[in-house]
Amino acid sequence: MTDYAELTLEAFYKGINCAQVVLSVFASEFGIDGETARKIASGFGGGTGRMGGTCGAVNAAYMVLSLKYGDADGQDSEAREMLVRQLRTFRRRFENERGSISCRELIGFNLRDPFQYNKVVERGLFFEVCPNLVADVIGIVREIIEQNAMNIAPK
């Protein structure tokens, strides 16, 4: 089994953010190459553009679940409802484990404030906190997809 916390740590040293890691882990399952996935997710790190909003890894989980269950043409209300259920399931599970989906709350600092952002960098909090969050996100998304596959599969 892949150690996603370690994979994330290695990615961070290369300048790849949490959202990029999550989306690229699942990209090939949807016919997306890793480079394209990382570009799509590149603006979501640090709670979207380092603004401390929704955790980038959580945003990437929403992207993955949308790729899996989403409706491309707006006509499939059943798919749309399935997606909404999966997004809510993900959020509930992540919040139960971590207490929040807010990057600001998960890191404990306001990343919009340059002084506080520098504190996060100085203390190495992205490297300390985020890899385990990313591993949690990937694990929850995998479980949701696997559970749905078991429920849908013929008996």
N, C-alpha and C. Protein backbone atom coordinates (compact mmCIF):
# COMPACT_ATOMS: atom_id res chain seq x y z
N MET A 1 0.84 -1.19 0.00
CA MET A 1 0.00 0.00 0.00
C MET A 1 0.89 1.25 0.00
N THR A 2 0.45 2.22 -0.75
CA THR A 2 1.21 3.46 -0.87
C THR A 2 1.11 4.29 0.41
N ASP A 3 2.23 4.83 0.83
CA ASP A 3 2.25 5.75 1.96
C ASP A 3 2.04 7.15 1.42
N TYR A 4 0.78 7.61 1.42
CA TYR A 4 0.46 8.90 0.81
C TYR A 4 1.01 10.08 1.60
N ALA A 5 1.23 9.92 2.89
CA ALA A 5 1.85 11.00 3.67
C ALA A 5 3.29 11.19 3.20
N GLU A 6 4.00 10.10 2.99
CA GLU A 6 5.38 10.17 2.52
C GLU A 6 5.43 10.71 1.09
N LEU A 7 4.53 10.24 0.24
CA LEU A 7 4.43 10.73 -1.14
C LEU A 7 4.19 12.24 -1.15
N THR A 8 3.32 12.71 -0.27
CA THR A 8 3.00 14.14 -0.18
C THR A 8 4.22 14.93 0.27
N LEU A 9 4.92 14.43 1.27
CA LEU A 9 6.11 15.10 1.76
C LEU A 9 7.13 15.26 0.63
N GLU A 10 7.35 14.20 -0.14
CA GLU A 10 8.27 14.26 -1.27
C GLU A 10 7.80 15.29 -2.29
N ALA A 11 6.50 15.32 -2.55
CA ALA A 11 5.94 16.27 -3.51
C ALA A 11 6.12 17.71 -3.02
N PHE A 12 5.89 17.93 -1.73
CA PHE A 12 6.04 19.27 -1.16
C PHE A 12 7.46 19.79 -1.34
N TYR A 13 8.45 18.92 -1.18
CA TYR A 13 9.84 19.34 -1.36
C TYR A 13 10.10 19.77 -2.80
N LYS A 14 9.28 19.29 -3.73
CA LYS A 14 9.40 19.67 -5.14
C LYS A 14 8.54 20.89 -5.47
N GLY A 15 7.77 21.38 -4.50
CA GLY A 15 6.92 22.54 -4.73
C GLY A 15 5.50 22.20 -5.16
N ILE A 16 5.13 20.94 -5.07
CA ILE A 16 3.79 20.49 -5.45
C ILE A 16 2.90 20.59 -4.22
N ASN A 17 1.70 21.16 -4.38
CA ASN A 17 0.84 21.37 -3.21
C ASN A 17 -0.12 20.20 -2.96
N CYS A 18 -0.86 20.30 -1.87
CA CYS A 18 -1.74 19.22 -1.42
C CYS A 18 -2.82 18.87 -2.44
N ALA A 19 -3.43 19.87 -3.05
CA ALA A 19 -4.48 19.62 -4.04
C ALA A 19 -3.90 18.89 -5.25
N GLN A 20 -2.71 19.30 -5.66
CA GLN A 20 -2.06 18.66 -6.79
C GLN A 20 -1.77 17.19 -6.51
N VAL A 21 -1.35 16.88 -5.30
CA VAL A 21 -1.07 15.49 -4.95
C VAL A 21 -2.34 14.66 -5.03
N VAL A 22 -3.41 15.14 -4.42
CA VAL A 22 -4.65 14.36 -4.39
C VAL A 22 -5.17 14.12 -5.80
N LEU A 23 -5.30 15.16 -6.59
CA LEU A 23 -5.86 14.98 -7.92
C LEU A 23 -4.97 14.10 -8.79
N SER A 24 -3.65 14.25 -8.67
CA SER A 24 -2.76 13.45 -9.52
C SER A 24 -2.77 11.97 -9.11
N VAL A 25 -3.04 11.67 -7.85
CA VAL A 25 -3.14 10.27 -7.42
C VAL A 25 -4.27 9.54 -8.16
N PHE A 26 -5.37 10.26 -8.41
CA PHE A 26 -6.54 9.66 -9.04
C PHE A 26 -6.62 9.91 -10.55
N ALA A 27 -5.79 10.78 -11.07
CA ALA A 27 -5.92 11.26 -12.44
C ALA A 27 -6.01 10.15 -13.48
N SER A 28 -5.13 9.19 -13.41
CA SER A 28 -5.11 8.15 -14.44
C SER A 28 -6.40 7.34 -14.49
N GLU A 29 -7.11 7.26 -13.36
CA GLU A 29 -8.38 6.54 -13.33
C GLU A 29 -9.44 7.23 -14.19
N PHE A 30 -9.19 8.50 -14.53
CA PHE A 30 -10.14 9.27 -15.32
C PHE A 30 -9.55 9.70 -16.67
N GLY A 31 -8.43 9.08 -17.03
CA GLY A 31 -7.80 9.38 -18.31
C GLY A 31 -7.10 10.72 -18.36
N ILE A 32 -6.69 11.22 -17.20
CA ILE A 32 -6.00 12.51 -17.12
C ILE A 32 -4.54 12.24 -16.76
N ASP A 33 -3.63 12.87 -17.49
CA ASP A 33 -2.22 12.66 -17.16
C ASP A 33 -1.86 13.48 -15.93
N GLY A 34 -0.79 13.09 -15.26
CA GLY A 34 -0.39 13.73 -14.01
C GLY A 34 -0.10 15.21 -14.15
N GLU A 35 0.54 15.60 -15.25
CA GLU A 35 0.87 17.02 -15.44
C GLU A 35 -0.41 17.86 -15.55
N THR A 36 -1.38 17.38 -16.32
CA THR A 36 -2.64 18.11 -16.46
C THR A 36 -3.36 18.20 -15.13
N ALA A 37 -3.37 17.10 -14.39
CA ALA A 37 -4.02 17.10 -13.07
C ALA A 37 -3.37 18.12 -12.15
N ARG A 38 -2.05 18.16 -12.14
CA ARG A 38 -1.34 19.11 -11.27
C ARG A 38 -1.62 20.56 -11.70
N LYS A 39 -1.75 20.81 -12.99
CA LYS A 39 -2.07 22.17 -13.45
C LYS A 39 -3.49 22.55 -13.01
N ILE A 40 -4.44 21.63 -13.18
CA ILE A 40 -5.83 21.91 -12.78
C ILE A 40 -5.90 22.26 -11.31
N ALA A 41 -5.18 21.52 -10.48
CA ALA A 41 -5.26 21.68 -9.03
C ALA A 41 -4.29 22.72 -8.47
N SER A 42 -3.45 23.29 -9.31
CA SER A 42 -2.36 24.13 -8.81
C SER A 42 -2.79 25.34 -8.00
N GLY A 43 -3.95 25.90 -8.26
CA GLY A 43 -4.39 27.08 -7.53
C GLY A 43 -5.11 26.82 -6.23
N PHE A 44 -5.26 25.55 -5.87
CA PHE A 44 -6.08 25.22 -4.70
C PHE A 44 -5.30 25.01 -3.41
N GLY A 45 -3.97 24.97 -3.47
CA GLY A 45 -3.16 24.78 -2.27
C GLY A 45 -3.31 25.94 -1.29
N GLY A 46 -3.14 25.64 -0.03
CA GLY A 46 -3.23 26.68 1.00
C GLY A 46 -4.63 27.23 1.17
N GLY A 47 -5.61 26.39 0.91
CA GLY A 47 -7.00 26.84 1.06
C GLY A 47 -7.42 27.75 -0.08
N THR A 48 -7.03 27.39 -1.29
CA THR A 48 -7.27 28.11 -2.53
C THR A 48 -6.46 29.41 -2.56
N GLY A 49 -5.39 29.34 -3.30
CA GLY A 49 -4.54 30.52 -3.47
C GLY A 49 -3.95 31.05 -2.19
N ARG A 50 -3.66 30.15 -1.26
CA ARG A 50 -3.11 30.52 0.06
C ARG A 50 -3.98 31.52 0.79
N MET A 51 -5.30 31.39 0.63
CA MET A 51 -6.23 32.29 1.33
C MET A 51 -6.82 31.64 2.58
N GLY A 52 -6.45 30.39 2.86
CA GLY A 52 -6.89 29.74 4.09
C GLY A 52 -8.32 29.26 4.09
N GLY A 53 -8.95 29.20 2.93
CA GLY A 53 -10.34 28.71 2.85
C GLY A 53 -10.38 27.19 2.94
N THR A 54 -11.23 26.60 2.14
CA THR A 54 -11.33 25.14 2.14
C THR A 54 -9.98 24.53 1.78
N CYS A 55 -9.55 23.58 2.58
CA CYS A 55 -8.28 22.87 2.37
C CYS A 55 -8.16 22.44 0.91
N GLY A 56 -6.99 22.65 0.33
CA GLY A 56 -6.76 22.27 -1.06
C GLY A 56 -6.96 20.79 -1.30
N ALA A 57 -6.55 19.95 -0.35
CA ALA A 57 -6.75 18.51 -0.51
C ALA A 57 -8.24 18.17 -0.54
N VAL A 58 -9.03 18.88 0.26
CA VAL A 58 -10.48 18.68 0.27
C VAL A 58 -11.06 19.12 -1.07
N ASN A 59 -10.63 20.27 -1.58
CA ASN A 59 -11.10 20.71 -2.89
C ASN A 59 -10.77 19.68 -3.96
N ALA A 60 -9.59 19.11 -3.90
CA ALA A 60 -9.21 18.09 -4.87
C ALA A 60 -10.07 16.83 -4.71
N ALA A 61 -10.43 16.50 -3.48
CA ALA A 61 -11.34 15.36 -3.26
C ALA A 61 -12.67 15.63 -3.94
N TYR A 62 -13.16 16.86 -3.84
CA TYR A 62 -14.40 17.23 -4.52
C TYR A 62 -14.25 17.08 -6.03
N MET A 63 -13.08 17.44 -6.56
CA MET A 63 -12.84 17.27 -7.99
C MET A 63 -12.88 15.80 -8.39
N VAL A 64 -12.22 14.96 -7.59
CA VAL A 64 -12.18 13.52 -7.88
C VAL A 64 -13.60 12.94 -7.84
N LEU A 65 -14.33 13.27 -6.80
CA LEU A 65 -15.70 12.75 -6.70
C LEU A 65 -16.57 13.28 -7.82
N SER A 66 -16.33 14.50 -8.25
CA SER A 66 -17.08 15.06 -9.39
C SER A 66 -16.74 14.32 -10.68
N LEU A 67 -15.46 14.00 -10.86
CA LEU A 67 -15.07 13.22 -12.03
C LEU A 67 -15.74 11.84 -12.02
N LYS A 68 -15.85 11.26 -10.85
CA LYS A 68 -16.42 9.91 -10.72
C LYS A 68 -17.93 9.93 -10.87
N TYR A 69 -18.61 10.86 -10.23
CA TYR A 69 -20.07 10.80 -10.14
C TYR A 69 -20.79 11.96 -10.82
N GLY A 70 -20.05 12.92 -11.35
CA GLY A 70 -20.66 14.14 -11.87
C GLY A 70 -21.44 13.97 -13.16
N ASP A 71 -22.18 15.00 -13.48
CA ASP A 71 -23.03 15.08 -14.66
C ASP A 71 -22.43 16.14 -15.58
N ALA A 72 -21.98 15.74 -16.77
CA ALA A 72 -21.29 16.66 -17.67
C ALA A 72 -22.22 17.57 -18.46
N ASP A 73 -23.44 17.15 -18.71
CA ASP A 73 -24.31 17.95 -19.58
C ASP A 73 -25.51 18.57 -18.87
N GLY A 74 -25.57 18.39 -17.55
CA GLY A 74 -26.66 19.00 -16.78
C GLY A 74 -27.99 18.29 -16.90
N GLN A 75 -28.00 17.14 -17.54
CA GLN A 75 -29.26 16.45 -17.80
C GLN A 75 -29.50 15.24 -16.89
N ASP A 76 -28.48 14.80 -16.19
CA ASP A 76 -28.61 13.57 -15.39
C ASP A 76 -28.81 13.92 -13.92
N SER A 77 -30.06 14.11 -13.54
CA SER A 77 -30.35 14.51 -12.16
C SER A 77 -29.99 13.41 -11.17
N GLU A 78 -30.07 12.15 -11.60
CA GLU A 78 -29.69 11.04 -10.72
C GLU A 78 -28.19 11.11 -10.40
N ALA A 79 -27.37 11.38 -11.41
CA ALA A 79 -25.92 11.51 -11.19
C ALA A 79 -25.65 12.70 -10.29
N ARG A 80 -26.34 13.80 -10.51
CA ARG A 80 -26.15 15.00 -9.70
C ARG A 80 -26.46 14.70 -8.23
N GLU A 81 -27.54 13.99 -7.98
CA GLU A 81 -27.91 13.64 -6.60
C GLU A 81 -26.89 12.68 -5.99
N MET A 82 -26.42 11.74 -6.79
CA MET A 82 -25.39 10.81 -6.31
C MET A 82 -24.14 11.60 -5.92
N LEU A 83 -23.74 12.55 -6.76
CA LEU A 83 -22.57 13.36 -6.46
C LEU A 83 -22.76 14.14 -5.16
N VAL A 84 -23.90 14.77 -5.01
CA VAL A 84 -24.17 15.55 -3.79
C VAL A 84 -24.06 14.66 -2.56
N ARG A 85 -24.60 13.46 -2.64
CA ARG A 85 -24.50 12.52 -1.49
C ARG A 85 -23.05 12.19 -1.18
N GLN A 86 -22.25 11.95 -2.21
CA GLN A 86 -20.85 11.58 -2.00
C GLN A 86 -20.03 12.74 -1.45
N LEU A 87 -20.30 13.95 -1.94
CA LEU A 87 -19.62 15.13 -1.41
C LEU A 87 -19.95 15.33 0.07
N ARG A 88 -21.21 15.16 0.40
CA ARG A 88 -21.61 15.31 1.81
C ARG A 88 -21.02 14.20 2.68
N THR A 89 -20.99 13.00 2.16
CA THR A 89 -20.37 11.89 2.90
C THR A 89 -18.90 12.19 3.15
N PHE A 90 -18.21 12.63 2.10
CA PHE A 90 -16.79 12.95 2.27
C PHE A 90 -16.61 14.02 3.33
N ARG A 91 -17.34 15.12 3.18
CA ARG A 91 -17.16 16.23 4.11
C ARG A 91 -17.44 15.80 5.55
N ARG A 92 -18.51 15.08 5.76
CA ARG A 92 -18.86 14.62 7.11
C ARG A 92 -17.74 13.75 7.69
N ARG A 93 -17.24 12.82 6.90
CA ARG A 93 -16.19 11.94 7.40
C ARG A 93 -14.90 12.71 7.69
N PHE A 94 -14.53 13.63 6.79
CA PHE A 94 -13.31 14.39 7.01
C PHE A 94 -13.44 15.28 8.24
N GLU A 95 -14.56 15.97 8.36
CA GLU A 95 -14.77 16.84 9.53
C GLU A 95 -14.82 16.04 10.82
N ASN A 96 -15.38 14.84 10.78
CA ASN A 96 -15.40 13.99 11.98
C ASN A 96 -13.98 13.62 12.40
N GLU A 97 -13.11 13.38 11.43
CA GLU A 97 -11.73 13.01 11.73
C GLU A 97 -10.85 14.21 12.09
N ARG A 98 -11.07 15.35 11.40
CA ARG A 98 -10.16 16.48 11.52
C ARG A 98 -10.76 17.73 12.15
N GLY A 99 -12.09 17.76 12.30
CA GLY A 99 -12.73 18.88 12.97
C GLY A 99 -13.11 20.05 12.08
N SER A 100 -12.55 20.12 10.89
CA SER A 100 -12.81 21.24 10.00
C SER A 100 -12.34 20.88 8.60
N ILE A 101 -12.83 21.64 7.60
CA ILE A 101 -12.28 21.54 6.25
C ILE A 101 -11.51 22.81 5.90
N SER A 102 -11.43 23.74 6.83
CA SER A 102 -10.78 25.03 6.61
C SER A 102 -9.27 24.89 6.79
N CYS A 103 -8.53 25.28 5.77
CA CYS A 103 -7.08 25.27 5.86
C CYS A 103 -6.62 26.10 7.06
N ARG A 104 -7.22 27.26 7.22
CA ARG A 104 -6.87 28.16 8.32
C ARG A 104 -7.00 27.44 9.67
N GLU A 105 -8.09 26.71 9.84
CA GLU A 105 -8.30 26.01 11.11
C GLU A 105 -7.41 24.77 11.23
N LEU A 106 -7.20 24.07 10.13
CA LEU A 106 -6.36 22.87 10.17
C LEU A 106 -4.90 23.21 10.45
N ILE A 107 -4.43 24.31 9.88
CA ILE A 107 -3.03 24.74 10.07
C ILE A 107 -2.88 25.55 11.36
N GLY A 108 -3.94 26.29 11.70
CA GLY A 108 -3.90 27.11 12.91
C GLY A 108 -3.40 28.52 12.69
N PHE A 109 -3.30 28.93 11.43
CA PHE A 109 -2.83 30.28 11.10
C PHE A 109 -3.62 30.82 9.91
N ASN A 110 -3.68 32.14 9.82
CA ASN A 110 -4.33 32.81 8.71
C ASN A 110 -3.30 33.00 7.60
N LEU A 111 -3.40 32.22 6.54
CA LEU A 111 -2.41 32.26 5.48
C LEU A 111 -2.48 33.54 4.64
N ARG A 112 -3.57 34.29 4.76
CA ARG A 112 -3.68 35.56 4.04
C ARG A 112 -2.77 36.64 4.64
N ASP A 113 -2.48 36.49 5.90
CA ASP A 113 -1.63 37.44 6.61
C ASP A 113 -0.17 37.03 6.37
N PRO A 114 0.62 37.87 5.68
CA PRO A 114 2.01 37.52 5.37
C PRO A 114 2.83 37.13 6.60
N PHE A 115 2.61 37.81 7.71
CA PHE A 115 3.33 37.49 8.94
C PHE A 115 2.99 36.06 9.40
N GLN A 116 1.70 35.75 9.43
CA GLN A 116 1.29 34.42 9.87
C GLN A 116 1.73 33.35 8.86
N TYR A 117 1.64 33.65 7.57
CA TYR A 117 2.11 32.70 6.55
C TYR A 117 3.58 32.39 6.77
N ASN A 118 4.38 33.42 7.04
CA ASN A 118 5.81 33.20 7.28
C ASN A 118 6.04 32.34 8.51
N LYS A 119 5.19 32.49 9.53
CA LYS A 119 5.29 31.64 10.73
C LYS A 119 5.06 30.17 10.36
N VAL A 120 4.07 29.92 9.50
CA VAL A 120 3.77 28.55 9.06
C VAL A 120 4.98 27.97 8.35
N VAL A 121 5.57 28.76 7.48
CA VAL A 121 6.75 28.31 6.73
C VAL A 121 7.92 28.07 7.68
N GLU A 122 8.18 29.03 8.57
CA GLU A 122 9.30 28.91 9.52
C GLU A 122 9.17 27.67 10.39
N ARG A 123 7.95 27.38 10.82
CA ARG A 123 7.71 26.24 11.70
C ARG A 123 7.57 24.91 10.94
N GLY A 124 7.56 24.98 9.63
CA GLY A 124 7.44 23.77 8.82
C GLY A 124 6.09 23.09 8.93
N LEU A 125 5.05 23.87 9.20
CA LEU A 125 3.73 23.27 9.43
C LEU A 125 3.15 22.62 8.19
N PHE A 126 3.44 23.15 7.00
CA PHE A 126 2.95 22.49 5.79
C PHE A 126 3.51 21.08 5.71
N PHE A 127 4.76 20.91 6.10
CA PHE A 127 5.41 19.60 6.04
C PHE A 127 5.01 18.71 7.21
N GLU A 128 4.62 19.32 8.30
CA GLU A 128 4.24 18.57 9.50
C GLU A 128 2.77 18.16 9.48
N VAL A 129 1.88 19.07 9.11
CA VAL A 129 0.44 18.86 9.22
C VAL A 129 -0.16 18.27 7.94
N CYS A 130 0.19 18.86 6.81
CA CYS A 130 -0.52 18.58 5.56
C CYS A 130 -0.35 17.15 5.01
N PRO A 131 0.81 16.53 5.08
CA PRO A 131 0.92 15.17 4.53
C PRO A 131 -0.09 14.18 5.12
N ASN A 132 -0.33 14.28 6.41
CA ASN A 132 -1.32 13.37 7.02
C ASN A 132 -2.74 13.73 6.62
N LEU A 133 -3.01 15.02 6.43
CA LEU A 133 -4.33 15.43 5.93
C LEU A 133 -4.56 14.87 4.54
N VAL A 134 -3.56 14.97 3.69
CA VAL A 134 -3.65 14.47 2.32
C VAL A 134 -3.89 12.96 2.35
N ALA A 135 -3.16 12.25 3.18
CA ALA A 135 -3.35 10.80 3.29
C ALA A 135 -4.77 10.48 3.74
N ASP A 136 -5.30 11.24 4.68
CA ASP A 136 -6.69 11.05 5.12
C ASP A 136 -7.67 11.27 3.97
N VAL A 137 -7.47 12.36 3.23
CA VAL A 137 -8.36 12.69 2.11
C VAL A 137 -8.36 11.55 1.09
N ILE A 138 -7.18 11.11 0.69
CA ILE A 138 -7.08 10.04 -0.30
C ILE A 138 -7.75 8.77 0.21
N GLY A 139 -7.51 8.44 1.47
CA GLY A 139 -8.13 7.25 2.05
C GLY A 139 -9.64 7.33 2.06
N ILE A 140 -10.19 8.47 2.45
CA ILE A 140 -11.65 8.62 2.50
C ILE A 140 -12.24 8.53 1.10
N VAL A 141 -11.63 9.20 0.13
CA VAL A 141 -12.13 9.15 -1.25
C VAL A 141 -12.10 7.72 -1.77
N ARG A 142 -10.99 7.03 -1.55
CA ARG A 142 -10.89 5.62 -1.99
C ARG A 142 -11.99 4.77 -1.35
N GLU A 143 -12.22 4.95 -0.07
CA GLU A 143 -13.26 4.17 0.61
C GLU A 143 -14.64 4.47 0.06
N ILE A 144 -14.94 5.73 -0.21
CA ILE A 144 -16.24 6.10 -0.76
C ILE A 144 -16.43 5.43 -2.12
N ILE A 145 -15.43 5.51 -2.97
CA ILE A 145 -15.53 4.91 -4.30
C ILE A 145 -15.68 3.39 -4.20
N GLU A 146 -14.88 2.77 -3.35
CA GLU A 146 -14.96 1.31 -3.18
C GLU A 146 -16.30 0.88 -2.61
N GLN A 147 -16.81 1.60 -1.61
CA GLN A 147 -18.11 1.26 -1.02
C GLN A 147 -19.22 1.39 -2.04
N ASN A 148 -19.17 2.42 -2.87
CA ASN A 148 -20.19 2.57 -3.90
C ASN A 148 -20.08 1.48 -4.95
N ALA A 149 -18.87 1.07 -5.30
CA ALA A 149 -18.69 -0.01 -6.26
C ALA A 149 -19.28 -1.30 -5.73
N MET A 150 -19.12 -1.56 -4.44
CA MET A 150 -19.68 -2.78 -3.85
C MET A 150 -21.19 -2.74 -3.81
N ASN A 151 -21.76 -1.56 -3.56
CA ASN A 151 -23.20 -1.41 -3.50
C ASN A 151 -23.85 -1.50 -4.88
N ILE A 152 -23.12 -1.12 -5.90
CA ILE A 152 -23.67 -1.08 -7.25
C ILE A 152 -23.42 -2.38 -7.99
N ALA A 153 -22.37 -3.08 -7.62
CA ALA A 153 -21.99 -4.29 -8.35
C ALA A 153 -23.09 -5.34 -8.29
N PRO A 154 -23.26 -6.09 -9.38
CA PRO A 154 -24.28 -7.15 -9.39
C PRO A 154 -23.93 -8.24 -8.38
N LYS A 155 -24.96 -8.88 -7.86
CA LYS A 155 -24.75 -9.92 -6.84
C LYS A 155 -24.44 -11.25 -7.46
